[in-house]
Amino acid sequence: QRWIAGFRTQVVKLCDFGFSTPLAGAEHVTDAMPRGTPVYMSPECMGRRRVSCSADVYSFAMCVWHLWAGARPFSHLSSYAELSHAVTRGERPPLDRLP
């Protein structure tokens, strides 16, 4: 528990605005080159397709998976090409490889 501005709270906030960009409407097209850490990128970002806020949900889910598993998602893959192929095909990190 922490005291913030005189209020007792148990809220945890996680944010990363390193590559933030305003959304024009509900969706936008990604840049020519994807940016970010590949293991946390959504399939839309890796495939350079239209993205929406759901891409952030996917990335957050990969962060939670990393925290829960104690290892990076898709750590069994050895190259960006393998990772990109797995993510864009809709594969999920294997749970049987957890420590």
N, C-alpha and C. Protein backbone atom coordinates (compact mmCIF):
# COMPACT_ATOMS: atom_id res chain seq x y z
N GLN A 1 0.83 -1.18 0.00
CA GLN A 1 0.00 0.00 0.00
C GLN A 1 0.88 1.24 0.00
N ARG A 2 0.46 2.22 -0.73
CA ARG A 2 1.19 3.48 -0.79
C ARG A 2 0.23 4.63 -0.57
N TRP A 3 0.80 5.70 -0.10
CA TRP A 3 0.03 6.94 0.05
C TRP A 3 0.44 7.87 -1.08
N ILE A 4 -0.51 8.23 -1.92
CA ILE A 4 -0.25 9.14 -3.03
C ILE A 4 -1.17 10.33 -2.88
N ALA A 5 -0.60 11.51 -2.77
CA ALA A 5 -1.36 12.76 -2.64
C ALA A 5 -2.43 12.66 -1.55
N GLY A 6 -2.08 12.02 -0.46
CA GLY A 6 -3.01 11.93 0.67
C GLY A 6 -4.04 10.82 0.57
N PHE A 7 -3.98 10.01 -0.50
CA PHE A 7 -4.95 8.92 -0.66
C PHE A 7 -4.24 7.58 -0.55
N ARG A 8 -4.85 6.67 0.16
CA ARG A 8 -4.30 5.33 0.29
C ARG A 8 -4.74 4.52 -0.93
N THR A 9 -3.78 3.87 -1.59
CA THR A 9 -4.11 3.16 -2.82
C THR A 9 -3.34 1.84 -2.93
N GLN A 10 -3.92 0.89 -3.65
CA GLN A 10 -3.25 -0.37 -3.96
C GLN A 10 -3.24 -0.56 -5.48
N VAL A 11 -3.23 0.52 -6.20
CA VAL A 11 -3.28 0.48 -7.65
C VAL A 11 -1.87 0.46 -8.22
N VAL A 12 -1.64 -0.41 -9.18
CA VAL A 12 -0.39 -0.46 -9.90
C VAL A 12 -0.66 0.00 -11.32
N LYS A 13 0.15 0.92 -11.79
CA LYS A 13 -0.02 1.42 -13.16
C LYS A 13 1.24 1.14 -13.95
N LEU A 14 1.06 0.59 -15.12
CA LEU A 14 2.16 0.27 -16.01
C LEU A 14 1.95 1.04 -17.30
N CYS A 15 2.97 1.78 -17.73
CA CYS A 15 2.82 2.51 -18.99
C CYS A 15 4.16 2.60 -19.68
N ASP A 16 4.09 2.73 -20.98
CA ASP A 16 5.27 2.88 -21.81
C ASP A 16 4.86 3.72 -23.01
N PHE A 17 5.35 4.94 -23.07
CA PHE A 17 4.99 5.83 -24.15
C PHE A 17 6.15 6.04 -25.12
N GLY A 18 7.08 5.11 -25.16
CA GLY A 18 8.25 5.25 -26.01
C GLY A 18 7.93 5.42 -27.49
N PHE A 19 6.95 4.71 -28.00
CA PHE A 19 6.58 4.81 -29.41
C PHE A 19 5.13 5.21 -29.56
N SER A 20 4.63 6.00 -28.64
CA SER A 20 3.22 6.38 -28.70
C SER A 20 2.96 7.28 -29.89
N THR A 21 1.75 7.18 -30.39
CA THR A 21 1.32 8.03 -31.49
C THR A 21 -0.17 8.23 -31.37
N PRO A 22 -0.66 9.42 -31.66
CA PRO A 22 -2.10 9.62 -31.57
C PRO A 22 -2.83 8.81 -32.62
N LEU A 23 -3.95 8.23 -32.25
CA LEU A 23 -4.76 7.48 -33.20
C LEU A 23 -5.70 8.44 -33.91
N ALA A 24 -5.70 8.40 -35.20
CA ALA A 24 -6.63 9.20 -36.00
C ALA A 24 -7.87 8.34 -36.20
N GLY A 25 -8.90 8.55 -35.42
CA GLY A 25 -10.05 7.66 -35.45
C GLY A 25 -9.75 6.43 -34.63
N ALA A 26 -10.30 5.31 -34.99
CA ALA A 26 -10.15 4.09 -34.20
C ALA A 26 -8.92 3.28 -34.59
N GLU A 27 -8.42 3.45 -35.81
CA GLU A 27 -7.31 2.61 -36.27
C GLU A 27 -6.34 3.44 -37.10
N HIS A 28 -5.13 2.95 -37.22
CA HIS A 28 -4.16 3.55 -38.12
C HIS A 28 -3.26 2.47 -38.67
N VAL A 29 -2.53 2.77 -39.71
CA VAL A 29 -1.60 1.81 -40.30
C VAL A 29 -0.24 2.01 -39.66
N THR A 30 0.44 0.91 -39.40
CA THR A 30 1.76 1.00 -38.77
C THR A 30 2.77 1.62 -39.71
N ASP A 31 3.88 2.05 -39.18
CA ASP A 31 4.98 2.60 -39.98
C ASP A 31 5.54 1.51 -40.90
N ALA A 32 6.42 1.91 -41.79
CA ALA A 32 7.04 0.95 -42.71
C ALA A 32 7.84 -0.10 -41.94
N MET A 33 8.50 0.30 -40.88
CA MET A 33 9.27 -0.64 -40.07
C MET A 33 8.65 -0.74 -38.68
N PRO A 34 8.39 -1.96 -38.22
CA PRO A 34 7.86 -2.09 -36.86
C PRO A 34 8.90 -1.63 -35.84
N ARG A 35 8.43 -1.05 -34.74
CA ARG A 35 9.33 -0.58 -33.69
C ARG A 35 8.90 -1.24 -32.38
N GLY A 36 9.87 -1.51 -31.55
CA GLY A 36 9.57 -2.09 -30.24
C GLY A 36 10.33 -3.38 -30.03
N THR A 37 10.05 -4.03 -28.92
CA THR A 37 10.68 -5.30 -28.59
C THR A 37 9.85 -6.42 -29.21
N PRO A 38 10.41 -7.18 -30.14
CA PRO A 38 9.62 -8.15 -30.91
C PRO A 38 8.78 -9.12 -30.09
N VAL A 39 9.28 -9.63 -28.96
CA VAL A 39 8.50 -10.62 -28.22
C VAL A 39 7.21 -10.05 -27.63
N TYR A 40 7.09 -8.73 -27.57
CA TYR A 40 5.89 -8.10 -27.03
C TYR A 40 5.00 -7.50 -28.12
N MET A 41 5.44 -7.56 -29.38
CA MET A 41 4.67 -6.97 -30.48
C MET A 41 3.46 -7.82 -30.85
N SER A 42 2.38 -7.13 -31.16
CA SER A 42 1.16 -7.82 -31.59
C SER A 42 1.33 -8.33 -33.02
N PRO A 43 0.52 -9.30 -33.41
CA PRO A 43 0.58 -9.78 -34.80
C PRO A 43 0.37 -8.66 -35.82
N GLU A 44 -0.50 -7.71 -35.50
CA GLU A 44 -0.76 -6.59 -36.42
C GLU A 44 0.50 -5.76 -36.63
N CYS A 45 1.23 -5.50 -35.55
CA CYS A 45 2.45 -4.70 -35.66
C CYS A 45 3.53 -5.45 -36.43
N MET A 46 3.69 -6.73 -36.16
CA MET A 46 4.70 -7.51 -36.87
C MET A 46 4.36 -7.66 -38.34
N GLY A 47 3.08 -7.79 -38.64
CA GLY A 47 2.66 -7.96 -40.02
C GLY A 47 2.44 -6.67 -40.75
N ARG A 48 2.71 -5.53 -40.09
CA ARG A 48 2.52 -4.20 -40.67
C ARG A 48 1.11 -4.00 -41.20
N ARG A 49 0.13 -4.45 -40.42
CA ARG A 49 -1.27 -4.29 -40.79
C ARG A 49 -1.90 -3.20 -39.95
N ARG A 50 -3.17 -2.92 -40.21
CA ARG A 50 -3.90 -1.92 -39.41
C ARG A 50 -3.90 -2.36 -37.95
N VAL A 51 -3.66 -1.38 -37.08
CA VAL A 51 -3.66 -1.68 -35.65
C VAL A 51 -4.70 -0.83 -34.95
N SER A 52 -5.13 -1.31 -33.81
CA SER A 52 -6.04 -0.56 -32.96
C SER A 52 -5.55 -0.72 -31.53
N CYS A 53 -6.36 -0.33 -30.60
CA CYS A 53 -5.98 -0.46 -29.19
C CYS A 53 -5.79 -1.91 -28.78
N SER A 54 -6.34 -2.85 -29.52
CA SER A 54 -6.18 -4.26 -29.18
C SER A 54 -4.71 -4.69 -29.28
N ALA A 55 -3.91 -3.99 -30.09
CA ALA A 55 -2.48 -4.29 -30.16
C ALA A 55 -1.82 -4.03 -28.81
N ASP A 56 -2.26 -2.99 -28.12
CA ASP A 56 -1.74 -2.70 -26.78
C ASP A 56 -2.16 -3.78 -25.79
N VAL A 57 -3.36 -4.29 -25.93
CA VAL A 57 -3.84 -5.36 -25.05
C VAL A 57 -2.97 -6.60 -25.24
N TYR A 58 -2.66 -6.94 -26.49
CA TYR A 58 -1.80 -8.09 -26.77
C TYR A 58 -0.43 -7.89 -26.12
N SER A 59 0.17 -6.73 -26.31
CA SER A 59 1.49 -6.45 -25.75
C SER A 59 1.48 -6.53 -24.23
N PHE A 60 0.41 -6.01 -23.63
CA PHE A 60 0.29 -6.09 -22.17
C PHE A 60 0.17 -7.55 -21.73
N ALA A 61 -0.59 -8.34 -22.48
CA ALA A 61 -0.73 -9.76 -22.15
C ALA A 61 0.62 -10.48 -22.21
N MET A 62 1.45 -10.12 -23.17
CA MET A 62 2.78 -10.73 -23.25
C MET A 62 3.64 -10.31 -22.06
N CYS A 63 3.48 -9.07 -21.59
CA CYS A 63 4.20 -8.62 -20.38
C CYS A 63 3.75 -9.42 -19.16
N VAL A 64 2.45 -9.63 -19.04
CA VAL A 64 1.92 -10.41 -17.92
C VAL A 64 2.40 -11.85 -18.01
N TRP A 65 2.40 -12.41 -19.22
CA TRP A 65 2.90 -13.79 -19.41
C TRP A 65 4.35 -13.87 -18.94
N HIS A 66 5.17 -12.88 -19.31
CA HIS A 66 6.57 -12.85 -18.90
C HIS A 66 6.69 -12.83 -17.37
N LEU A 67 5.90 -11.98 -16.73
CA LEU A 67 5.93 -11.91 -15.26
C LEU A 67 5.50 -13.23 -14.63
N TRP A 68 4.46 -13.83 -15.16
CA TRP A 68 3.92 -15.07 -14.60
C TRP A 68 4.85 -16.25 -14.84
N ALA A 69 5.40 -16.33 -16.06
CA ALA A 69 6.24 -17.47 -16.43
C ALA A 69 7.67 -17.35 -15.92
N GLY A 70 8.11 -16.12 -15.68
CA GLY A 70 9.49 -15.93 -15.27
C GLY A 70 10.47 -16.05 -16.43
N ALA A 71 9.96 -16.02 -17.66
CA ALA A 71 10.79 -16.10 -18.86
C ALA A 71 10.09 -15.33 -19.98
N ARG A 72 10.86 -14.88 -20.95
CA ARG A 72 10.26 -14.16 -22.07
C ARG A 72 9.35 -15.08 -22.87
N PRO A 73 8.26 -14.53 -23.38
CA PRO A 73 7.42 -15.33 -24.28
C PRO A 73 8.24 -15.76 -25.51
N PHE A 74 7.99 -16.95 -25.99
CA PHE A 74 8.65 -17.49 -27.18
C PHE A 74 10.17 -17.57 -27.02
N SER A 75 10.65 -17.74 -25.81
CA SER A 75 12.10 -17.80 -25.59
C SER A 75 12.73 -19.03 -26.25
N HIS A 76 11.93 -20.00 -26.63
CA HIS A 76 12.45 -21.20 -27.28
C HIS A 76 12.78 -20.96 -28.75
N LEU A 77 12.33 -19.85 -29.31
CA LEU A 77 12.62 -19.53 -30.71
C LEU A 77 13.95 -18.79 -30.79
N SER A 78 14.72 -19.06 -31.84
CA SER A 78 16.08 -18.52 -31.88
C SER A 78 16.28 -17.35 -32.83
N SER A 79 15.28 -17.00 -33.64
CA SER A 79 15.50 -15.89 -34.56
C SER A 79 14.25 -15.02 -34.67
N TYR A 80 14.45 -13.81 -35.18
CA TYR A 80 13.33 -12.90 -35.40
C TYR A 80 12.36 -13.50 -36.42
N ALA A 81 12.88 -14.16 -37.44
CA ALA A 81 12.04 -14.77 -38.48
C ALA A 81 11.11 -15.83 -37.88
N GLU A 82 11.65 -16.68 -36.99
CA GLU A 82 10.82 -17.69 -36.33
C GLU A 82 9.75 -17.04 -35.46
N LEU A 83 10.16 -16.01 -34.71
CA LEU A 83 9.22 -15.30 -33.84
C LEU A 83 8.12 -14.64 -34.65
N SER A 84 8.50 -13.94 -35.70
CA SER A 84 7.53 -13.26 -36.54
C SER A 84 6.55 -14.25 -37.15
N HIS A 85 7.06 -15.38 -37.62
CA HIS A 85 6.20 -16.41 -38.21
C HIS A 85 5.20 -16.94 -37.17
N ALA A 86 5.68 -17.23 -35.97
CA ALA A 86 4.81 -17.75 -34.92
C ALA A 86 3.73 -16.75 -34.52
N VAL A 87 4.13 -15.51 -34.33
CA VAL A 87 3.18 -14.48 -33.88
C VAL A 87 2.14 -14.17 -34.94
N THR A 88 2.57 -14.00 -36.19
CA THR A 88 1.62 -13.66 -37.25
C THR A 88 0.70 -14.82 -37.60
N ARG A 89 1.07 -16.04 -37.24
CA ARG A 89 0.17 -17.20 -37.44
C ARG A 89 -0.79 -17.38 -36.27
N GLY A 90 -0.66 -16.54 -35.24
CA GLY A 90 -1.56 -16.61 -34.10
C GLY A 90 -1.17 -17.60 -33.03
N GLU A 91 0.08 -18.07 -33.07
CA GLU A 91 0.53 -19.01 -32.05
C GLU A 91 0.68 -18.29 -30.72
N ARG A 92 0.58 -19.06 -29.66
CA ARG A 92 0.75 -18.52 -28.31
C ARG A 92 2.01 -19.12 -27.70
N PRO A 93 2.61 -18.41 -26.75
CA PRO A 93 3.78 -19.00 -26.08
C PRO A 93 3.38 -20.32 -25.43
N PRO A 94 4.21 -21.35 -25.58
CA PRO A 94 3.86 -22.66 -25.02
C PRO A 94 3.92 -22.68 -23.50
N LEU A 95 2.87 -23.18 -22.90
CA LEU A 95 2.83 -23.26 -21.43
C LEU A 95 3.62 -24.46 -20.92
N ASP A 96 3.86 -25.47 -21.75
CA ASP A 96 4.59 -26.64 -21.30
C ASP A 96 6.08 -26.36 -21.11
N ARG A 97 6.54 -25.21 -21.52
CA ARG A 97 7.95 -24.84 -21.38
C ARG A 97 8.20 -23.97 -20.15
N LEU A 98 7.21 -23.81 -19.31
CA LEU A 98 7.38 -22.97 -18.13
C LEU A 98 8.33 -23.63 -17.16
N PRO A 99 9.09 -22.81 -16.42
CA PRO A 99 10.04 -23.38 -15.45
C PRO A 99 9.32 -24.04 -14.29
